[in-house]
Each structure stands twice: as C-alpha cells, then as structure tokens.
Amino acid sequence: MDNLIKPLKTEADYEAALVELEKVFDCLPNTPEADRAEILIMLINKYEEEHYPLSIPDPIEAIKYIMQEKQLKNKDLVTYFGSKSLVSEVLNKKRELTLKMIKALHKGLGIPYELLIA
C-alpha cells in the first residue's frame, strides 16, 4: 500500500491494509505513525463489519460451549433448569428456554443475556 490511505473496497485492499498496520502497530503515541495506525484500524474494522459480520450464536450452542469450557455435564444444569428432563429437552431443542432459566443461567454461569435471548 502506498502512503495514501484510501477506502478498502476489495480483499486485496484489506490484506494490504493489514500489512501496513503491522508496520506501524507498535509505534509511539502522538506520532504520524500512530495517526496512520488509528486510521488503518478504523478502515479495517469497517471492512470487517461489512464483509465478516459476527453473528450471535444460537442460545443452546452458547450453553453447550460454556458447559464444555467449565467441564459441566447435563446433570450440573439441573439447578438452572429445574429437572433432568428439562435439561435434556432444552439442550435437544425440544423446549424453549424460559425467562426463569435464562435468569438462572445468567446469574449462575455468567452467560450474557444477549446470548440466551438471541
């Protein structure tokens, strides 16, 4: 990429901006390089938002992920769901999460509400 900073319209522009950012990433604050890095970051973020949007995971997949991370088994979720059968039904997507379950999972396991109500 030349010294001109321009909108990122193609994947090649994006890749070039990443290379350029790598060159100035560890620069000192309040320098022209720091300004360049800040602008490149804004352009890269905009391109990524448009071309690589992050989607909110399925609530059940989020619960399963947390279970895996915390090494929990289905029986460990009975506290949050109320019974073994409810745990099974919810994790197999045969029953929806209730507000009570969502609150319990948020409070007990720290799962963000945004993930549970998606």
C-alpha atoms as a PDB file:
ATOM      1  CA  MET A   1       0.000   0.000   0.000  1.00  0.00           C
ATOM      2  CA  ASP A   2       1.336   3.429  -0.796  1.00  0.00           C
ATOM      3  CA  ASN A   3       1.322   6.352   1.639  1.00  0.00           C
ATOM      4  CA  LEU A   4      -2.180   7.316   0.568  1.00  0.00           C
ATOM      5  CA  ILE A   5      -4.814   5.842   2.853  1.00  0.00           C
ATOM      6  CA  LYS A   6      -7.951   5.019   0.914  1.00  0.00           C
ATOM      7  CA  PRO A   7     -11.211   3.118   1.435  1.00  0.00           C
ATOM      8  CA  LEU A   8     -10.897  -0.658   1.457  1.00  0.00           C
ATOM      9  CA  LYS A   9     -13.015  -1.900  -1.441  1.00  0.00           C
ATOM     10  CA  THR A  10     -11.501  -5.292  -2.187  1.00  0.00           C
ATOM     11  CA  GLU A  11      -9.975  -8.201  -0.343  1.00  0.00           C
ATOM     12  CA  ALA A  12      -6.595  -7.122  -1.742  1.00  0.00           C
ATOM     13  CA  ASP A  13      -7.077  -3.629  -0.251  1.00  0.00           C
ATOM     14  CA  TYR A  14      -7.948  -5.250   3.075  1.00  0.00           C
ATOM     15  CA  GLU A  15      -4.878  -7.518   3.028  1.00  0.00           C
ATOM     16  CA  ALA A  16      -2.637  -4.592   2.118  1.00  0.00           C
ATOM     17  CA  ALA A  17      -4.070  -2.530   4.981  1.00  0.00           C
ATOM     18  CA  LEU A  18      -3.331  -5.369   7.409  1.00  0.00           C
ATOM     19  CA  VAL A  19       0.288  -5.485   6.212  1.00  0.00           C
ATOM     20  CA  GLU A  20       0.576  -1.720   6.514  1.00  0.00           C
ATOM     21  CA  LEU A  21      -0.928  -1.772  10.014  1.00  0.00           C
ATOM     22  CA  GLU A  22       1.593  -4.376  11.081  1.00  0.00           C
ATOM     23  CA  LYS A  23       4.387  -1.958  10.104  1.00  0.00           C
ATOM     24  CA  VAL A  24       3.090   0.865  12.335  1.00  0.00           C
ATOM     25  CA  PHE A  25       1.276  -1.090  15.056  1.00  0.00           C
ATOM     26  CA  ASP A  26       3.932  -0.711  17.772  1.00  0.00           C
ATOM     27  CA  CYS A  27       4.635   2.946  17.113  1.00  0.00           C
ATOM     28  CA  LEU A  28       4.875   5.620  19.766  1.00  0.00           C
ATOM     29  CA  PRO A  29       1.696   7.554  20.676  1.00  0.00           C
ATOM     30  CA  ASN A  30       1.112  11.019  19.239  1.00  0.00           C
ATOM     31  CA  THR A  31       3.212  10.428  16.141  1.00  0.00           C
ATOM     32  CA  PRO A  32       2.258  10.426  12.466  1.00  0.00           C
ATOM     33  CA  GLU A  33       2.643   6.621  12.553  1.00  0.00           C
ATOM     34  CA  ALA A  34       0.171   6.404  15.442  1.00  0.00           C
ATOM     35  CA  ASP A  35      -2.307   8.514  13.468  1.00  0.00           C
ATOM     36  CA  ARG A  36      -1.802   6.224  10.478  1.00  0.00           C
ATOM     37  CA  ALA A  37      -2.376   3.156  12.657  1.00  0.00           C
ATOM     38  CA  GLU A  38      -5.582   4.634  14.073  1.00  0.00           C
ATOM     39  CA  ILE A  39      -6.961   5.381  10.603  1.00  0.00           C
ATOM     40  CA  LEU A  40      -5.983   1.939   9.305  1.00  0.00           C
ATOM     41  CA  ILE A  41      -7.713   0.306  12.274  1.00  0.00           C
ATOM     42  CA  MET A  42     -10.902   2.231  11.523  1.00  0.00           C
ATOM     43  CA  LEU A  43     -10.791   1.211   7.851  1.00  0.00           C
ATOM     44  CA  ILE A  44     -10.048  -2.421   8.687  1.00  0.00           C
ATOM     45  CA  ASN A  45     -12.852  -2.549  11.268  1.00  0.00           C
ATOM     46  CA  LYS A  46     -15.330  -1.084   8.768  1.00  0.00           C
ATOM     47  CA  TYR A  47     -14.318  -3.598   6.106  1.00  0.00           C
ATOM     48  CA  GLU A  48     -14.568  -6.500   8.563  1.00  0.00           C
ATOM     49  CA  GLU A  49     -18.008  -5.380   9.783  1.00  0.00           C
ATOM     50  CA  GLU A  50     -19.265  -5.317   6.202  1.00  0.00           C
ATOM     51  CA  HIS A  51     -17.588  -8.483   4.919  1.00  0.00           C
ATOM     52  CA  TYR A  52     -17.142 -10.651   8.017  1.00  0.00           C
ATOM     53  CA  PRO A  53     -20.085  -9.871  10.281  1.00  0.00           C
ATOM     54  CA  LEU A  54     -20.173 -11.675  13.593  1.00  0.00           C
ATOM     55  CA  SER A  55     -23.382 -13.486  14.244  1.00  0.00           C
ATOM     56  CA  ILE A  56     -24.766 -14.144  17.675  1.00  0.00           C
ATOM     57  CA  PRO A  57     -24.581 -17.861  18.373  1.00  0.00           C
ATOM     58  CA  ASP A  58     -27.625 -19.975  18.981  1.00  0.00           C
ATOM     59  CA  PRO A  59     -28.506 -19.861  22.720  1.00  0.00           C
ATOM     60  CA  ILE A  60     -28.303 -23.648  23.068  1.00  0.00           C
ATOM     61  CA  GLU A  61     -24.911 -23.721  21.344  1.00  0.00           C
ATOM     62  CA  ALA A  62     -23.751 -20.981  23.722  1.00  0.00           C
ATOM     63  CA  ILE A  63     -24.872 -23.072  26.708  1.00  0.00           C
ATOM     64  CA  LYS A  64     -23.121 -26.156  25.322  1.00  0.00           C
ATOM     65  CA  TYR A  65     -19.955 -24.141  24.766  1.00  0.00           C
ATOM     66  CA  ILE A  66     -19.990 -22.894  28.370  1.00  0.00           C
ATOM     67  CA  MET A  67     -20.645 -26.428  29.562  1.00  0.00           C
ATOM     68  CA  GLN A  68     -17.608 -27.634  27.650  1.00  0.00           C
ATOM     69  CA  GLU A  69     -15.432 -24.765  28.909  1.00  0.00           C
ATOM     70  CA  LYS A  70     -16.464 -25.357  32.521  1.00  0.00           C
ATOM     71  CA  GLN A  71     -16.455 -29.150  32.105  1.00  0.00           C
ATOM     72  CA  LEU A  72     -20.103 -29.416  33.124  1.00  0.00           C
ATOM     73  CA  LYS A  73     -22.400 -32.342  32.479  1.00  0.00           C
ATOM     74  CA  ASN A  74     -26.143 -32.213  31.850  1.00  0.00           C
ATOM     75  CA  LYS A  75     -26.809 -33.077  35.493  1.00  0.00           C
ATOM     76  CA  ASP A  76     -24.894 -29.928  36.528  1.00  0.00           C
ATOM     77  CA  LEU A  77     -27.553 -27.801  34.823  1.00  0.00           C
ATOM     78  CA  VAL A  78     -30.491 -29.193  36.799  1.00  0.00           C
ATOM     79  CA  THR A  79     -30.036 -26.296  39.249  1.00  0.00           C
ATOM     80  CA  TYR A  80     -30.726 -23.816  36.441  1.00  0.00           C
ATOM     81  CA  PHE A  81     -33.443 -25.736  34.585  1.00  0.00           C
ATOM     82  CA  GLY A  82     -35.345 -27.463  37.379  1.00  0.00           C
ATOM     83  CA  SER A  83     -35.142 -31.112  36.305  1.00  0.00           C
ATOM     84  CA  LYS A  84     -33.084 -33.590  34.281  1.00  0.00           C
ATOM     85  CA  SER A  85     -35.838 -33.899  31.720  1.00  0.00           C
ATOM     86  CA  LEU A  86     -35.977 -30.129  31.168  1.00  0.00           C
ATOM     87  CA  VAL A  87     -32.199 -30.024  30.714  1.00  0.00           C
ATOM     88  CA  SER A  88     -32.432 -32.754  28.096  1.00  0.00           C
ATOM     89  CA  GLU A  89     -35.403 -31.201  26.303  1.00  0.00           C
ATOM     90  CA  VAL A  90     -33.817 -27.742  26.137  1.00  0.00           C
ATOM     91  CA  LEU A  91     -30.384 -28.981  25.048  1.00  0.00           C
ATOM     92  CA  ASN A  92     -32.048 -31.100  22.345  1.00  0.00           C
ATOM     93  CA  LYS A  93     -34.081 -28.047  21.243  1.00  0.00           C
ATOM     94  CA  LYS A  94     -37.396 -29.687  22.019  1.00  0.00           C
ATOM     95  CA  ARG A  95     -38.291 -26.974  24.518  1.00  0.00           C
ATOM     96  CA  GLU A  96     -37.574 -23.246  24.614  1.00  0.00           C
ATOM     97  CA  LEU A  97     -35.630 -21.548  27.374  1.00  0.00           C
ATOM     98  CA  THR A  98     -37.924 -19.827  29.860  1.00  0.00           C
ATOM     99  CA  LEU A  99     -37.254 -16.448  31.422  1.00  0.00           C
ATOM    100  CA  LYS A 100     -36.576 -18.190  34.731  1.00  0.00           C
ATOM    101  CA  MET A 101     -33.978 -20.457  33.071  1.00  0.00           C
ATOM    102  CA  ILE A 102     -32.356 -17.518  31.294  1.00  0.00           C
ATOM    103  CA  LYS A 103     -32.032 -15.569  34.538  1.00  0.00           C
ATOM    104  CA  ALA A 104     -30.626 -18.608  36.362  1.00  0.00           C
ATOM    105  CA  LEU A 105     -28.084 -19.342  33.608  1.00  0.00           C
ATOM    106  CA  HIS A 106     -27.008 -15.714  33.536  1.00  0.00           C
ATOM    107  CA  LYS A 107     -26.626 -15.475  37.290  1.00  0.00           C
ATOM    108  CA  GLY A 108     -25.132 -18.933  37.844  1.00  0.00           C
ATOM    109  CA  LEU A 109     -22.905 -19.395  34.812  1.00  0.00           C
ATOM    110  CA  GLY A 110     -22.371 -15.806  33.743  1.00  0.00           C
ATOM    111  CA  ILE A 111     -23.807 -16.339  30.263  1.00  0.00           C
ATOM    112  CA  PRO A 112     -24.728 -12.913  28.844  1.00  0.00           C
ATOM    113  CA  TYR A 113     -28.432 -12.278  28.402  1.00  0.00           C
ATOM    114  CA  GLU A 114     -27.785 -11.307  24.765  1.00  0.00           C
ATOM    115  CA  LEU A 115     -26.646 -14.855  24.003  1.00  0.00           C
ATOM    116  CA  LEU A 116     -29.524 -16.504  25.813  1.00  0.00           C
ATOM    117  CA  ILE A 117     -32.317 -14.499  24.190  1.00  0.00           C
ATOM    118  CA  ALA A 118     -30.940 -14.499  20.630  1.00  0.00           C
END
